[in-house]
């Protein structure tokens, strides 16, 4: 039979009694006197969250769209270029970001070339569309032919 001082003795706990944890010596298994910290202390950490490649993907998509639309207005290409540079600097989806940067630069170059080469003709076409200077279709067509250097057989 065990004595009441024996720590291994089990006895029923009454309603008014609360079982208190016994502090164990450091390095032993059991309850510790340290307060509860909220962590399980299992020794496993959560894996790091995967890095998002959203900016690189967006840059790539805007570059592809910019090429197919011939860089209309260039706004999408500028945004795609900025996103590609930021994504490449952060190292997230670097390959896609570099391809997006190249495609957006190409779309911007095409946009600039179109503006430089085509803009002079738009001003001439608008001049030819002036109904006061060219009141009928024949005079408007003659203006456009002269603008583009088209000769009509006589």
C-alpha atoms as a PDB file:
ATOM      1  CA  UNK A   1       0.000   0.000   0.000  1.00  0.00           C
ATOM      2  CA  UNK A   2       1.198   3.502  -0.801  1.00  0.00           C
ATOM      3  CA  UNK A   3       1.386   6.427   1.537  1.00  0.00           C
ATOM      4  CA  UNK A   4      -0.383   9.775   0.887  1.00  0.00           C
ATOM      5  CA  UNK A   5       3.001  11.481   0.227  1.00  0.00           C
ATOM      6  CA  UNK A   6       3.764   9.173  -2.712  1.00  0.00           C
ATOM      7  CA  UNK A   7       3.587  11.268  -5.937  1.00  0.00           C
ATOM      8  CA  UNK A   8       2.632   8.243  -8.034  1.00  0.00           C
ATOM      9  CA  UNK A   9      -0.445   7.557  -5.943  1.00  0.00           C
ATOM     10  CA  UNK A  10      -3.751   8.085  -7.687  1.00  0.00           C
ATOM     11  CA  UNK A  11      -6.745   9.074  -5.688  1.00  0.00           C
ATOM     12  CA  UNK A  12     -10.092  10.553  -6.664  1.00  0.00           C
ATOM     13  CA  UNK A  13     -10.333  14.328  -6.718  1.00  0.00           C
ATOM     14  CA  UNK A  14     -13.287  15.880  -4.959  1.00  0.00           C
ATOM     15  CA  UNK A  15     -15.404  18.700  -6.318  1.00  0.00           C
ATOM     16  CA  UNK A  16     -13.639  21.339  -4.291  1.00  0.00           C
ATOM     17  CA  UNK A  17     -10.131  20.158  -5.120  1.00  0.00           C
ATOM     18  CA  UNK A  18      -8.256  21.216  -8.241  1.00  0.00           C
ATOM     19  CA  UNK A  19      -5.334  19.213  -9.457  1.00  0.00           C
ATOM     20  CA  UNK A  20      -2.335  21.546  -9.799  1.00  0.00           C
ATOM     21  CA  UNK A  21       0.453  20.705 -12.252  1.00  0.00           C
ATOM     22  CA  UNK A  22       3.710  19.764 -10.652  1.00  0.00           C
ATOM     23  CA  UNK A  23       6.740  21.593 -11.989  1.00  0.00           C
ATOM     24  CA  UNK A  24       9.368  19.252 -13.292  1.00  0.00           C
ATOM     25  CA  UNK A  25      13.077  19.762 -13.213  1.00  0.00           C
ATOM     26  CA  UNK A  26      14.647  21.189 -16.359  1.00  0.00           C
ATOM     27  CA  UNK A  27      15.463  18.541 -18.910  1.00  0.00           C
ATOM     28  CA  UNK A  28      12.775  16.138 -17.711  1.00  0.00           C
ATOM     29  CA  UNK A  29       9.527  15.303 -19.365  1.00  0.00           C
ATOM     30  CA  UNK A  30       6.391  16.618 -17.822  1.00  0.00           C
ATOM     31  CA  UNK A  31       4.811  19.954 -17.128  1.00  0.00           C
ATOM     32  CA  UNK A  32       7.008  22.982 -16.787  1.00  0.00           C
ATOM     33  CA  UNK A  33       6.567  25.991 -14.571  1.00  0.00           C
ATOM     34  CA  UNK A  34       6.802  28.299 -17.630  1.00  0.00           C
ATOM     35  CA  UNK A  35       3.621  30.106 -18.560  1.00  0.00           C
ATOM     36  CA  UNK A  36       1.692  28.989 -21.636  1.00  0.00           C
ATOM     37  CA  UNK A  37       3.036  30.777 -24.699  1.00  0.00           C
ATOM     38  CA  UNK A  38       0.374  29.809 -27.226  1.00  0.00           C
ATOM     39  CA  UNK A  39       2.697  27.727 -29.398  1.00  0.00           C
ATOM     40  CA  UNK A  40       2.647  23.978 -29.544  1.00  0.00           C
ATOM     41  CA  UNK A  41       6.420  23.708 -29.565  1.00  0.00           C
ATOM     42  CA  UNK A  42       6.344  20.730 -31.879  1.00  0.00           C
ATOM     43  CA  UNK A  43       9.602  21.774 -33.481  1.00  0.00           C
ATOM     44  CA  UNK A  44       8.081  22.012 -36.970  1.00  0.00           C
ATOM     45  CA  UNK A  45       7.749  25.361 -38.671  1.00  0.00           C
ATOM     46  CA  UNK A  46       5.288  26.255 -41.362  1.00  0.00           C
ATOM     47  CA  UNK A  47       6.718  26.313 -44.873  1.00  0.00           C
ATOM     48  CA  UNK A  48       7.253  29.757 -46.370  1.00  0.00           C
ATOM     49  CA  UNK A  49       4.460  31.081 -48.531  1.00  0.00           C
ATOM     50  CA  UNK A  50       5.132  30.638 -52.262  1.00  0.00           C
ATOM     51  CA  UNK A  51       6.282  33.796 -53.980  1.00  0.00           C
ATOM     52  CA  UNK A  52       3.703  35.340 -56.244  1.00  0.00           C
ATOM     53  CA  UNK A  53       4.575  35.694 -59.911  1.00  0.00           C
ATOM     54  CA  UNK A  54       1.574  37.920 -60.641  1.00  0.00           C
ATOM     55  CA  UNK A  55       3.565  40.958 -61.765  1.00  0.00           C
ATOM     56  CA  UNK A  56       5.740  38.884 -64.094  1.00  0.00           C
ATOM     57  CA  UNK A  57       2.701  37.174 -65.622  1.00  0.00           C
ATOM     58  CA  UNK A  58       0.916  40.506 -66.058  1.00  0.00           C
ATOM     59  CA  UNK A  59       3.983  41.998 -67.722  1.00  0.00           C
ATOM     60  CA  UNK A  60       4.190  39.047 -70.098  1.00  0.00           C
ATOM     61  CA  UNK A  61       0.488  39.219 -70.978  1.00  0.00           C
ATOM     62  CA  UNK A  62       0.613  42.985 -71.551  1.00  0.00           C
ATOM     63  CA  UNK A  63       3.663  42.516 -73.776  1.00  0.00           C
ATOM     64  CA  UNK A  64       1.911  39.899 -75.905  1.00  0.00           C
ATOM     65  CA  UNK A  65      -1.261  41.999 -76.150  1.00  0.00           C
ATOM     66  CA  UNK A  66       0.835  45.074 -76.977  1.00  0.00           C
ATOM     67  CA  UNK A  67       2.458  43.270 -79.902  1.00  0.00           C
ATOM     68  CA  UNK A  68      -0.829  42.002 -81.313  1.00  0.00           C
ATOM     69  CA  UNK A  69      -2.484  45.406 -80.992  1.00  0.00           C
ATOM     70  CA  UNK A  70       0.626  47.145 -82.326  1.00  0.00           C
ATOM     71  CA  UNK A  71       1.091  48.906 -79.027  1.00  0.00           C
ATOM     72  CA  UNK A  72      -2.111  50.923 -79.247  1.00  0.00           C
ATOM     73  CA  UNK A  73      -1.557  54.075 -77.211  1.00  0.00           C
ATOM     74  CA  UNK A  74       1.421  52.440 -75.491  1.00  0.00           C
ATOM     75  CA  UNK A  75      -0.222  52.690 -72.055  1.00  0.00           C
ATOM     76  CA  UNK A  76      -0.428  48.934 -71.535  1.00  0.00           C
ATOM     77  CA  UNK A  77       3.156  48.553 -72.684  1.00  0.00           C
ATOM     78  CA  UNK A  78       4.388  51.178 -70.226  1.00  0.00           C
ATOM     79  CA  UNK A  79       2.532  49.491 -67.360  1.00  0.00           C
ATOM     80  CA  UNK A  80       3.808  46.078 -68.484  1.00  0.00           C
ATOM     81  CA  UNK A  81       7.361  47.415 -68.660  1.00  0.00           C
ATOM     82  CA  UNK A  82       7.163  48.804 -65.118  1.00  0.00           C
ATOM     83  CA  UNK A  83       5.659  45.589 -63.737  1.00  0.00           C
ATOM     84  CA  UNK A  84       8.302  43.517 -65.513  1.00  0.00           C
ATOM     85  CA  UNK A  85      11.141  45.584 -64.070  1.00  0.00           C
ATOM     86  CA  UNK A  86       9.710  45.378 -60.542  1.00  0.00           C
ATOM     87  CA  UNK A  87       9.137  41.609 -60.832  1.00  0.00           C
ATOM     88  CA  UNK A  88      12.657  41.032 -62.155  1.00  0.00           C
ATOM     89  CA  UNK A  89      14.140  43.152 -59.370  1.00  0.00           C
ATOM     90  CA  UNK A  90      12.266  41.124 -56.742  1.00  0.00           C
ATOM     91  CA  UNK A  91      13.332  37.868 -58.386  1.00  0.00           C
ATOM     92  CA  UNK A  92       9.792  36.582 -58.734  1.00  0.00           C
ATOM     93  CA  UNK A  93       9.286  34.871 -62.072  1.00  0.00           C
ATOM     94  CA  UNK A  94      12.449  36.391 -63.468  1.00  0.00           C
ATOM     95  CA  UNK A  95      12.241  34.572 -66.816  1.00  0.00           C
ATOM     96  CA  UNK A  96       8.683  35.680 -67.496  1.00  0.00           C
ATOM     97  CA  UNK A  97       9.527  39.191 -66.326  1.00  0.00           C
ATOM     98  CA  UNK A  98      12.463  39.481 -68.744  1.00  0.00           C
ATOM     99  CA  UNK A  99      10.365  38.227 -71.664  1.00  0.00           C
ATOM    100  CA  UNK A 100       7.621  40.681 -70.643  1.00  0.00           C
ATOM    101  CA  UNK A 101      10.154  43.534 -70.564  1.00  0.00           C
ATOM    102  CA  UNK A 102      11.427  42.660 -74.056  1.00  0.00           C
ATOM    103  CA  UNK A 103       7.911  42.337 -75.527  1.00  0.00           C
ATOM    104  CA  UNK A 104       6.767  45.602 -73.937  1.00  0.00           C
ATOM    105  CA  UNK A 105       9.850  47.425 -75.234  1.00  0.00           C
ATOM    106  CA  UNK A 106       9.177  46.032 -78.704  1.00  0.00           C
ATOM    107  CA  UNK A 107       5.542  47.177 -78.519  1.00  0.00           C
ATOM    108  CA  UNK A 108       6.673  50.654 -77.406  1.00  0.00           C
ATOM    109  CA  UNK A 109       9.166  50.883 -80.275  1.00  0.00           C
ATOM    110  CA  UNK A 110       6.433  49.899 -82.737  1.00  0.00           C
ATOM    111  CA  UNK A 111       4.117  52.530 -81.207  1.00  0.00           C
ATOM    112  CA  UNK A 112       6.731  55.270 -81.506  1.00  0.00           C
ATOM    113  CA  UNK A 113       7.526  54.293 -85.107  1.00  0.00           C
ATOM    114  CA  UNK A 114       3.843  54.310 -86.035  1.00  0.00           C
ATOM    115  CA  UNK A 115       3.341  57.736 -84.486  1.00  0.00           C
ATOM    116  CA  UNK A 116       6.431  59.209 -86.153  1.00  0.00           C
ATOM    117  CA  UNK A 117       5.740  57.703 -89.577  1.00  0.00           C
ATOM    118  CA  UNK A 118       1.967  58.020 -89.734  1.00  0.00           C
ATOM    119  CA  UNK A 119       1.289  61.293 -87.880  1.00  0.00           C
ATOM    120  CA  UNK A 120       2.305  63.575 -90.778  1.00  0.00           C
ATOM    121  CA  UNK A 121      -0.209  61.857 -93.031  1.00  0.00           C
ATOM    122  CA  UNK A 122      -3.026  62.322 -90.516  1.00  0.00           C
ATOM    123  CA  UNK A 123      -2.548  66.080 -90.528  1.00  0.00           C
ATOM    124  CA  UNK A 124      -2.619  66.056 -94.337  1.00  0.00           C
ATOM    125  CA  UNK A 125      -5.712  63.857 -94.425  1.00  0.00           C
ATOM    126  CA  UNK A 126      -7.475  66.172 -91.988  1.00  0.00           C
ATOM    127  CA  UNK A 127      -6.585  69.089 -94.246  1.00  0.00           C
ATOM    128  CA  UNK A 128      -8.028  67.246 -97.247  1.00  0.00           C
ATOM    129  CA  UNK A 129     -11.233  66.611 -95.292  1.00  0.00           C
ATOM    130  CA  UNK A 130     -11.883  70.351 -94.881  1.00  0.00           C
ATOM    131  CA  UNK A 131     -15.214  70.958 -96.646  1.00  0.00           C
ATOM    132  CA  UNK A 132     -14.506  74.659 -97.159  1.00  0.00           C
ATOM    133  CA  UNK A 133     -11.284  74.099 -99.115  1.00  0.00           C
ATOM    134  CA  UNK A 134     -12.428  70.882-100.817  1.00  0.00           C
ATOM    135  CA  UNK A 135     -16.220  71.049-101.194  1.00  0.00           C
ATOM    136  CA  UNK A 136     -16.744  68.021-103.459  1.00  0.00           C
ATOM    137  CA  UNK A 137     -15.443  64.434-103.633  1.00  0.00           C
ATOM    138  CA  UNK A 138     -13.334  65.046-106.713  1.00  0.00           C
ATOM    139  CA  UNK A 139     -11.319  67.838-105.065  1.00  0.00           C
ATOM    140  CA  UNK A 140     -10.959  65.784-101.841  1.00  0.00           C
ATOM    141  CA  UNK A 141      -9.686  62.772-103.829  1.00  0.00           C
ATOM    142  CA  UNK A 142      -7.264  64.990-105.742  1.00  0.00           C
ATOM    143  CA  UNK A 143      -5.897  66.323-102.420  1.00  0.00           C
ATOM    144  CA  UNK A 144      -5.412  62.811-101.035  1.00  0.00           C
ATOM    145  CA  UNK A 145      -3.764  61.621-104.271  1.00  0.00           C
ATOM    146  CA  UNK A 146      -1.402  64.580-104.142  1.00  0.00           C
ATOM    147  CA  UNK A 147      -0.656  63.919-100.457  1.00  0.00           C
ATOM    148  CA  UNK A 148       0.302  60.285-101.040  1.00  0.00           C
ATOM    149  CA  UNK A 149       1.948  60.884-104.400  1.00  0.00           C
ATOM    150  CA  UNK A 150      -0.602  58.855-106.324  1.00  0.00           C
ATOM    151  CA  UNK A 151      -0.931  59.699-109.978  1.00  0.00           C
ATOM    152  CA  UNK A 152      -4.010  58.864-111.968  1.00  0.00           C
ATOM    153  CA  UNK A 153      -3.789  57.962-115.614  1.00  0.00           C
ATOM    154  CA  UNK A 154      -5.116  60.682-117.877  1.00  0.00           C
END
